[in-house]
Amino acid sequence: MIELFDIKIWRYERKFVVSEFLQQKIELIIRLHPALFSEIHHQRWVNNIYFDSFSARNYHDNIEGLRNRVKVRIRWYGSFWGKVKEPMLEFKLKEGILGAKKIFPLSPFFIDEKIGVTGINDMIRNSDLPDLVKTYLSPLTPCLLNRYLRRYYRSWDRSYRITVDSGMECNTIGSQFQVLFQKDSDNINTILELKYDSSKDANVDTITNHFPFRMTKNSKYVNGIESTLV
């Protein structure tokens, strides 16, 4: 799938688990960083509908750590329910330790408890997407809903961005969305992500050396799938 897209900018996403003890101090730690991070966007909910094959290929590719892999999702911001004015179809691509995203706008839609898998698939079919994208999506099905609160920061020189995600809620998708977010709610783990273009990697230690956090591999999609299996 990666070769279908003309990806010009690849970036790193370094992920850190923030301990429960440090959650209350995380904003202070970021704001006191020598790189002079400042908040660049108001805190908001990030909503996602993930797609996978019936054999869960994307999930297993991630677990096995394949060098080239893809995650597919619909994303929008703010309230989960009601009119979704600007939904985006995102292909999150991974090539080794570098990542990239390819984004396609989707037609607005209304989401309620009755929309279900059929309604999501109909919305995609009615959107103005390239034929290759629709072909790639045809064997996939919506499989996971998740949402979390996100805060955004950027360094003074604009080279590095930080996002802080907390309060993840998720559930698998049935024929309808009536049991949304009743399965799992994670109010303990907070994930900090440091994001930057590949050209800035040489100096990244000047950023990460000031974090009292543990760098880790983390996938919200994998976490969501595994939590709903418990």
C-alpha atoms as a PDB file:
ATOM      1  CA  MET A   1       0.000   0.000   0.000  1.00  0.00           C
ATOM      2  CA  ILE A   2       2.836   2.407   0.802  1.00  0.00           C
ATOM      3  CA  GLU A   3       4.041   2.426  -2.779  1.00  0.00           C
ATOM      4  CA  LEU A   4       0.636   3.709  -3.951  1.00  0.00           C
ATOM      5  CA  PHE A   5       1.208   7.037  -2.213  1.00  0.00           C
ATOM      6  CA  ASP A   6       3.672   9.747  -3.105  1.00  0.00           C
ATOM      7  CA  ILE A   7       5.027  10.353   0.399  1.00  0.00           C
ATOM      8  CA  LYS A   8       7.387  13.332   0.502  1.00  0.00           C
ATOM      9  CA  ILE A   9       7.703  13.838   4.259  1.00  0.00           C
ATOM     10  CA  TRP A  10       8.459  11.044   6.685  1.00  0.00           C
ATOM     11  CA  ARG A  11       8.614  11.709  10.381  1.00  0.00           C
ATOM     12  CA  TYR A  12       9.487  10.129  13.688  1.00  0.00           C
ATOM     13  CA  GLU A  13       6.963   9.569  16.443  1.00  0.00           C
ATOM     14  CA  ARG A  14       8.708   8.878  19.738  1.00  0.00           C
ATOM     15  CA  LYS A  15       6.237   7.659  22.361  1.00  0.00           C
ATOM     16  CA  PHE A  16       6.553   7.879  26.122  1.00  0.00           C
ATOM     17  CA  VAL A  17       4.382   6.412  28.860  1.00  0.00           C
ATOM     18  CA  VAL A  18       3.683   8.994  31.554  1.00  0.00           C
ATOM     19  CA  SER A  19       3.438   7.438  34.993  1.00  0.00           C
ATOM     20  CA  GLU A  20       0.481   8.174  37.231  1.00  0.00           C
ATOM     21  CA  PHE A  21       2.796  10.124  39.545  1.00  0.00           C
ATOM     22  CA  LEU A  22       3.917  12.468  36.762  1.00  0.00           C
ATOM     23  CA  GLN A  23       0.514  13.065  35.149  1.00  0.00           C
ATOM     24  CA  GLN A  24      -0.198  16.048  37.369  1.00  0.00           C
ATOM     25  CA  LYS A  25       3.185  17.557  36.504  1.00  0.00           C
ATOM     26  CA  ILE A  26       3.250  16.881  32.778  1.00  0.00           C
ATOM     27  CA  GLU A  27       2.271  20.368  31.631  1.00  0.00           C
ATOM     28  CA  LEU A  28       4.880  21.939  33.915  1.00  0.00           C
ATOM     29  CA  ILE A  29       7.572  19.555  32.635  1.00  0.00           C
ATOM     30  CA  ILE A  30       6.764  20.485  29.036  1.00  0.00           C
ATOM     31  CA  ARG A  31       6.587  24.214  29.660  1.00  0.00           C
ATOM     32  CA  LEU A  32       9.905  24.252  31.541  1.00  0.00           C
ATOM     33  CA  HIS A  33      11.691  22.358  28.763  1.00  0.00           C
ATOM     34  CA  PRO A  34      14.721  24.270  27.334  1.00  0.00           C
ATOM     35  CA  ALA A  35      13.177  23.984  23.845  1.00  0.00           C
ATOM     36  CA  LEU A  36      10.446  26.365  25.029  1.00  0.00           C
ATOM     37  CA  PHE A  37       7.374  24.345  24.153  1.00  0.00           C
ATOM     38  CA  SER A  38       4.077  26.202  24.159  1.00  0.00           C
ATOM     39  CA  GLU A  39       0.503  25.016  23.674  1.00  0.00           C
ATOM     40  CA  ILE A  40      -0.690  25.594  20.108  1.00  0.00           C
ATOM     41  CA  HIS A  41      -4.250  24.292  20.153  1.00  0.00           C
ATOM     42  CA  HIS A  42      -7.060  23.952  22.631  1.00  0.00           C
ATOM     43  CA  GLN A  43      -7.539  20.534  24.171  1.00  0.00           C
ATOM     44  CA  ARG A  44     -10.031  18.464  22.192  1.00  0.00           C
ATOM     45  CA  TRP A  45     -11.428  14.986  21.759  1.00  0.00           C
ATOM     46  CA  VAL A  46      -9.950  12.890  18.957  1.00  0.00           C
ATOM     47  CA  ASN A  47     -12.419  10.309  17.576  1.00  0.00           C
ATOM     48  CA  ASN A  48     -11.426   7.316  15.457  1.00  0.00           C
ATOM     49  CA  ILE A  49     -13.066   4.430  13.631  1.00  0.00           C
ATOM     50  CA  TYR A  50     -10.421   1.839  12.735  1.00  0.00           C
ATOM     51  CA  PHE A  51     -10.657  -0.639   9.872  1.00  0.00           C
ATOM     52  CA  ASP A  52      -9.084  -4.049   9.491  1.00  0.00           C
ATOM     53  CA  SER A  53      -9.530  -7.265   7.547  1.00  0.00           C
ATOM     54  CA  PHE A  54     -11.578 -10.147   8.939  1.00  0.00           C
ATOM     55  CA  SER A  55      -8.277 -11.876   9.726  1.00  0.00           C
ATOM     56  CA  ALA A  56      -7.073  -8.742  11.600  1.00  0.00           C
ATOM     57  CA  ARG A  57      -4.080  -8.346   9.324  1.00  0.00           C
ATOM     58  CA  ASN A  58      -3.225  -4.792  10.426  1.00  0.00           C
ATOM     59  CA  TYR A  59      -3.349  -5.832  14.074  1.00  0.00           C
ATOM     60  CA  HIS A  60      -1.078  -8.836  13.523  1.00  0.00           C
ATOM     61  CA  ASP A  61       1.341  -6.827  11.344  1.00  0.00           C
ATOM     62  CA  ASN A  62       1.785  -4.425  14.242  1.00  0.00           C
ATOM     63  CA  ILE A  63       2.200  -7.166  16.849  1.00  0.00           C
ATOM     64  CA  GLU A  64       4.796  -8.909  14.683  1.00  0.00           C
ATOM     65  CA  GLY A  65       6.642  -5.643  14.077  1.00  0.00           C
ATOM     66  CA  LEU A  66       6.636  -5.830  10.289  1.00  0.00           C
ATOM     67  CA  ARG A  67       8.811  -3.135   8.740  1.00  0.00           C
ATOM     68  CA  ASN A  68       6.143  -1.898   6.299  1.00  0.00           C
ATOM     69  CA  ARG A  69       2.603  -1.718   7.634  1.00  0.00           C
ATOM     70  CA  VAL A  70      -0.584   0.323   7.392  1.00  0.00           C
ATOM     71  CA  LYS A  71      -3.388   1.380   9.726  1.00  0.00           C
ATOM     72  CA  VAL A  72      -6.632   2.749   8.308  1.00  0.00           C
ATOM     73  CA  ARG A  73      -9.054   4.960  10.196  1.00  0.00           C
ATOM     74  CA  ILE A  74     -11.696   7.652   9.953  1.00  0.00           C
ATOM     75  CA  ARG A  75     -10.862  10.600  12.225  1.00  0.00           C
ATOM     76  CA  TRP A  76     -12.721  13.692  13.388  1.00  0.00           C
ATOM     77  CA  TYR A  77     -12.581  16.041  16.362  1.00  0.00           C
ATOM     78  CA  GLY A  78     -14.955  17.183  19.088  1.00  0.00           C
ATOM     79  CA  SER A  79     -18.209  15.439  19.906  1.00  0.00           C
ATOM     80  CA  PHE A  80     -18.547  11.819  18.824  1.00  0.00           C
ATOM     81  CA  TRP A  81     -22.288  11.955  18.262  1.00  0.00           C
ATOM     82  CA  GLY A  82     -24.221  14.063  15.799  1.00  0.00           C
ATOM     83  CA  LYS A  83     -23.168  15.783  12.577  1.00  0.00           C
ATOM     84  CA  VAL A  84     -19.574  15.070  11.585  1.00  0.00           C
ATOM     85  CA  LYS A  85     -18.746  17.981   9.315  1.00  0.00           C
ATOM     86  CA  GLU A  86     -15.121  17.256   8.405  1.00  0.00           C
ATOM     87  CA  PRO A  87     -14.340  13.527   8.671  1.00  0.00           C
ATOM     88  CA  MET A  88     -11.017  12.420   7.234  1.00  0.00           C
ATOM     89  CA  LEU A  89      -9.913   9.032   5.980  1.00  0.00           C
ATOM     90  CA  GLU A  90      -6.345   8.466   7.147  1.00  0.00           C
ATOM     91  CA  PHE A  91      -3.798   5.894   6.080  1.00  0.00           C
ATOM     92  CA  LYS A  92      -1.106   5.784   8.741  1.00  0.00           C
ATOM     93  CA  LEU A  93       1.963   4.326   7.059  1.00  0.00           C
ATOM     94  CA  LYS A  94       5.019   2.842   8.713  1.00  0.00           C
ATOM     95  CA  GLU A  95       8.349   2.133   7.036  1.00  0.00           C
ATOM     96  CA  GLY A  96      10.788   0.911   9.622  1.00  0.00           C
ATOM     97  CA  ILE A  97      10.855   3.471  12.424  1.00  0.00           C
ATOM     98  CA  LEU A  98       9.601   6.284  10.183  1.00  0.00           C
ATOM     99  CA  GLY A  99       5.949   7.135   9.736  1.00  0.00           C
ATOM    100  CA  ALA A 100       3.746   9.183   7.437  1.00  0.00           C
ATOM    101  CA  LYS A 101       0.062   9.875   6.870  1.00  0.00           C
ATOM    102  CA  LYS A 102      -2.008  10.145   3.728  1.00  0.00           C
ATOM    103  CA  ILE A 103      -5.322  11.901   4.271  1.00  0.00           C
ATOM    104  CA  PHE A 104      -8.482  12.029   2.156  1.00  0.00           C
ATOM    105  CA  PRO A 105     -11.551  14.146   3.001  1.00  0.00           C
ATOM    106  CA  LEU A 106     -14.812  12.246   3.359  1.00  0.00           C
ATOM    107  CA  SER A 107     -18.401  13.325   2.904  1.00  0.00           C
ATOM    108  CA  PRO A 108     -20.037  14.702   6.089  1.00  0.00           C
ATOM    109  CA  PHE A 109     -22.246  12.215   7.881  1.00  0.00           C
ATOM    110  CA  PHE A 110     -24.481  11.928  10.927  1.00  0.00           C
ATOM    111  CA  ILE A 111     -23.492   9.450  13.593  1.00  0.00           C
ATOM    112  CA  ASP A 112     -25.916   7.961  16.094  1.00  0.00           C
ATOM    113  CA  GLU A 113     -26.487   4.599  17.768  1.00  0.00           C
ATOM    114  CA  LYS A 114     -28.055   3.137  14.634  1.00  0.00           C
ATOM    115  CA  ILE A 115     -25.435   3.969  12.019  1.00  0.00           C
ATOM    116  CA  GLY A 116     -23.472   0.737  12.436  1.00  0.00           C
ATOM    117  CA  VAL A 117     -21.051  -0.857  10.004  1.00  0.00           C
ATOM    118  CA  THR A 118     -23.420  -0.598   7.036  1.00  0.00           C
ATOM    119  CA  GLY A 119     -23.842   3.146   7.453  1.00  0.00           C
ATOM    120  CA  ILE A 120     -20.076   3.722   7.688  1.00  0.00           C
ATOM    121  CA  ASN A 121     -19.415   1.639   4.586  1.00  0.00           C
ATOM    122  CA  ASP A 122     -22.164   3.466   2.668  1.00  0.00           C
ATOM    123  CA  MET A 123     -20.628   6.811   3.621  1.00  0.00           C
ATOM    124  CA  ILE A 124     -17.249   5.731   2.253  1.00  0.00           C
ATOM    125  CA  ARG A 125     -18.779   4.471  -0.987  1.00  0.00           C
ATOM    126  CA  ASN A 126     -20.515   7.828  -1.465  1.00  0.00           C
ATOM    127  CA  SER A 127     -17.361   9.870  -0.824  1.00  0.00           C
ATOM    128  CA  ASP A 128     -15.171  11.233  -3.601  1.00  0.00           C
ATOM    129  CA  LEU A 129     -12.189   8.916  -3.164  1.00  0.00           C
ATOM    130  CA  PRO A 130      -9.652   7.631  -5.728  1.00  0.00           C
ATOM    131  CA  ASP A 131     -10.563   4.242  -7.156  1.00  0.00           C
ATOM    132  CA  LEU A 132      -7.359   2.697  -5.785  1.00  0.00           C
ATOM    133  CA  VAL A 133      -8.326   3.770  -2.288  1.00  0.00           C
ATOM    134  CA  LYS A 134     -11.825   2.308  -2.583  1.00  0.00           C
ATOM    135  CA  THR A 135     -10.337  -0.914  -3.916  1.00  0.00           C
ATOM    136  CA  TYR A 136      -7.958  -1.145  -0.972  1.00  0.00           C
ATOM    137  CA  LEU A 137     -10.814  -0.514   1.480  1.00  0.00           C
ATOM    138  CA  SER A 138     -13.205  -3.027  -0.056  1.00  0.00           C
ATOM    139  CA  PRO A 139     -12.049  -6.082   1.991  1.00  0.00           C
ATOM    140  CA  LEU A 140     -11.784  -4.065   5.225  1.00  0.00           C
ATOM    141  CA  THR A 141     -14.467  -3.485   7.821  1.00  0.00           C
ATOM    142  CA  PRO A 142     -14.860  -1.086  10.753  1.00  0.00           C
ATOM    143  CA  CYS A 143     -13.662  -2.936  13.853  1.00  0.00           C
ATOM    144  CA  LEU A 144     -12.809  -0.506  16.659  1.00  0.00           C
ATOM    145  CA  LEU A 145     -14.013   2.826  18.005  1.00  0.00           C
ATOM    146  CA  ASN A 146     -11.801   4.907  20.231  1.00  0.00           C
ATOM    147  CA  ARG A 147     -11.474   8.439  21.465  1.00  0.00           C
ATOM    148  CA  TYR A 148      -9.154  10.343  23.774  1.00  0.00           C
ATOM    149  CA  LEU A 149      -8.367  13.862  24.955  1.00  0.00           C
ATOM    150  CA  ARG A 150      -5.380  15.482  23.211  1.00  0.00           C
ATOM    151  CA  ARG A 151      -3.266  18.513  24.007  1.00  0.00           C
ATOM    152  CA  TYR A 152      -0.787  20.021  21.532  1.00  0.00           C
ATOM    153  CA  TYR A 153       2.581  21.734  22.038  1.00  0.00           C
ATOM    154  CA  ARG A 154       5.317  23.017  19.712  1.00  0.00           C
ATOM    155  CA  SER A 155       8.919  23.999  20.342  1.00  0.00           C
ATOM    156  CA  TRP A 156       9.991  27.603  19.922  1.00  0.00           C
ATOM    157  CA  ASP A 157      11.923  26.805  16.705  1.00  0.00           C
ATOM    158  CA  ARG A 158       8.879  24.892  15.332  1.00  0.00           C
ATOM    159  CA  SER A 159      10.992  21.767  14.742  1.00  0.00           C
ATOM    160  CA  TYR A 160       9.352  19.496  17.326  1.00  0.00           C
ATOM    161  CA  ARG A 161       5.747  18.880  18.337  1.00  0.00           C
ATOM    162  CA  ILE A 162       4.347  17.135  21.378  1.00  0.00           C
ATOM    163  CA  THR A 163       0.897  15.641  21.816  1.00  0.00           C
ATOM    164  CA  VAL A 164      -0.409  14.393  25.154  1.00  0.00           C
ATOM    165  CA  ASP A 165      -3.260  11.871  25.042  1.00  0.00           C
ATOM    166  CA  SER A 166      -5.290  10.777  28.050  1.00  0.00           C
ATOM    167  CA  GLY A 167      -8.615   9.246  29.018  1.00  0.00           C
ATOM    168  CA  MET A 168      -8.824   6.745  26.156  1.00  0.00           C
ATOM    169  CA  GLU A 169     -12.197   5.089  25.703  1.00  0.00           C
ATOM    170  CA  CYS A 170     -12.830   2.296  23.231  1.00  0.00           C
ATOM    171  CA  ASN A 171     -15.068  -0.510  22.121  1.00  0.00           C
ATOM    172  CA  THR A 172     -15.381  -2.976  19.300  1.00  0.00           C
ATOM    173  CA  ILE A 173     -18.018  -2.367  16.636  1.00  0.00           C
ATOM    174  CA  GLY A 174     -21.117  -4.467  16.323  1.00  0.00           C
ATOM    175  CA  SER A 175     -23.918  -4.083  13.814  1.00  0.00           C
ATOM    176  CA  GLN A 176     -24.873  -0.868  15.629  1.00  0.00           C
ATOM    177  CA  PHE A 177     -23.099   1.546  17.994  1.00  0.00           C
ATOM    178  CA  GLN A 178     -25.457   1.146  20.963  1.00  0.00           C
ATOM    179  CA  VAL A 179     -22.775  -0.114  23.399  1.00  0.00           C
ATOM    180  CA  LEU A 180     -20.261   2.600  22.568  1.00  0.00           C
ATOM    181  CA  PHE A 181     -17.434   3.006  25.094  1.00  0.00           C
ATOM    182  CA  GLN A 182     -18.980   0.781  27.767  1.00  0.00           C
ATOM    183  CA  LYS A 183     -16.292  -1.884  27.376  1.00  0.00           C
ATOM    184  CA  ASP A 184     -13.134  -0.078  28.367  1.00  0.00           C
ATOM    185  CA  SER A 185     -12.024   3.261  29.736  1.00  0.00           C
ATOM    186  CA  ASP A 186      -8.358   3.905  30.490  1.00  0.00           C
ATOM    187  CA  ASN A 187      -7.974   6.761  32.954  1.00  0.00           C
ATOM    188  CA  ILE A 188      -4.515   5.669  34.129  1.00  0.00           C
ATOM    189  CA  ASN A 189      -2.225   5.686  31.114  1.00  0.00           C
ATOM    190  CA  THR A 190      -1.194   8.943  29.474  1.00  0.00           C
ATOM    191  CA  ILE A 191       0.867   8.855  26.279  1.00  0.00           C
ATOM    192  CA  LEU A 192       3.207  11.637  25.233  1.00  0.00           C
ATOM    193  CA  GLU A 193       4.324  11.627  21.599  1.00  0.00           C
ATOM    194  CA  LEU A 194       7.251  13.627  20.264  1.00  0.00           C
ATOM    195  CA  LYS A 195       6.833  14.210  16.516  1.00  0.00           C
ATOM    196  CA  TYR A 196       9.373  15.636  14.103  1.00  0.00           C
ATOM    197  CA  ASP A 197      10.594  15.395  10.529  1.00  0.00           C
ATOM    198  CA  SER A 198      13.311  12.852   9.783  1.00  0.00           C
ATOM    199  CA  SER A 199      15.746  15.692   9.033  1.00  0.00           C
ATOM    200  CA  LYS A 200      15.635  16.754  12.709  1.00  0.00           C
ATOM    201  CA  ASP A 201      16.655  13.422  14.212  1.00  0.00           C
ATOM    202  CA  ALA A 202      20.322  14.316  14.759  1.00  0.00           C
ATOM    203  CA  ASN A 203      19.426  16.764  17.544  1.00  0.00           C
ATOM    204  CA  VAL A 204      16.554  14.895  19.136  1.00  0.00           C
ATOM    205  CA  ASP A 205      18.591  13.991  22.247  1.00  0.00           C
ATOM    206  CA  THR A 206      18.463  17.655  23.232  1.00  0.00           C
ATOM    207  CA  ILE A 207      14.715  17.140  23.544  1.00  0.00           C
ATOM    208  CA  THR A 208      14.370  13.622  24.973  1.00  0.00           C
ATOM    209  CA  ASN A 209      17.136  13.954  27.589  1.00  0.00           C
ATOM    210  CA  HIS A 210      14.909  16.347  29.509  1.00  0.00           C
ATOM    211  CA  PHE A 211      11.938  13.956  29.707  1.00  0.00           C
ATOM    212  CA  PRO A 212      11.596  11.887  32.917  1.00  0.00           C
ATOM    213  CA  PHE A 213       9.437   9.455  30.940  1.00  0.00           C
ATOM    214  CA  ARG A 214      10.045   5.985  29.553  1.00  0.00           C
ATOM    215  CA  MET A 215      10.160   5.661  25.761  1.00  0.00           C
ATOM    216  CA  THR A 216       8.058   2.747  24.585  1.00  0.00           C
ATOM    217  CA  LYS A 217       6.335   1.148  21.647  1.00  0.00           C
ATOM    218  CA  ASN A 218       2.646   1.989  21.844  1.00  0.00           C
ATOM    219  CA  SER A 219      -0.320   1.621  19.507  1.00  0.00           C
ATOM    220  CA  LYS A 220      -3.738   2.887  20.531  1.00  0.00           C
ATOM    221  CA  TYR A 221      -5.270   0.554  17.948  1.00  0.00           C
ATOM    222  CA  VAL A 222      -3.510  -2.506  19.377  1.00  0.00           C
ATOM    223  CA  ASN A 223      -4.280  -1.414  22.945  1.00  0.00           C
ATOM    224  CA  GLY A 224      -7.930  -0.952  22.058  1.00  0.00           C
ATOM    225  CA  ILE A 225      -8.282  -4.332  20.382  1.00  0.00           C
ATOM    226  CA  GLU A 226      -6.563  -6.127  23.229  1.00  0.00           C
ATOM    227  CA  SER A 227      -8.551  -4.380  25.950  1.00  0.00           C
ATOM    228  CA  THR A 228     -11.831  -5.370  24.323  1.00  0.00           C
ATOM    229  CA  LEU A 229     -10.744  -9.017  24.242  1.00  0.00           C
ATOM    230  CA  VAL A 230     -10.426  -9.212  28.006  1.00  0.00           C
END
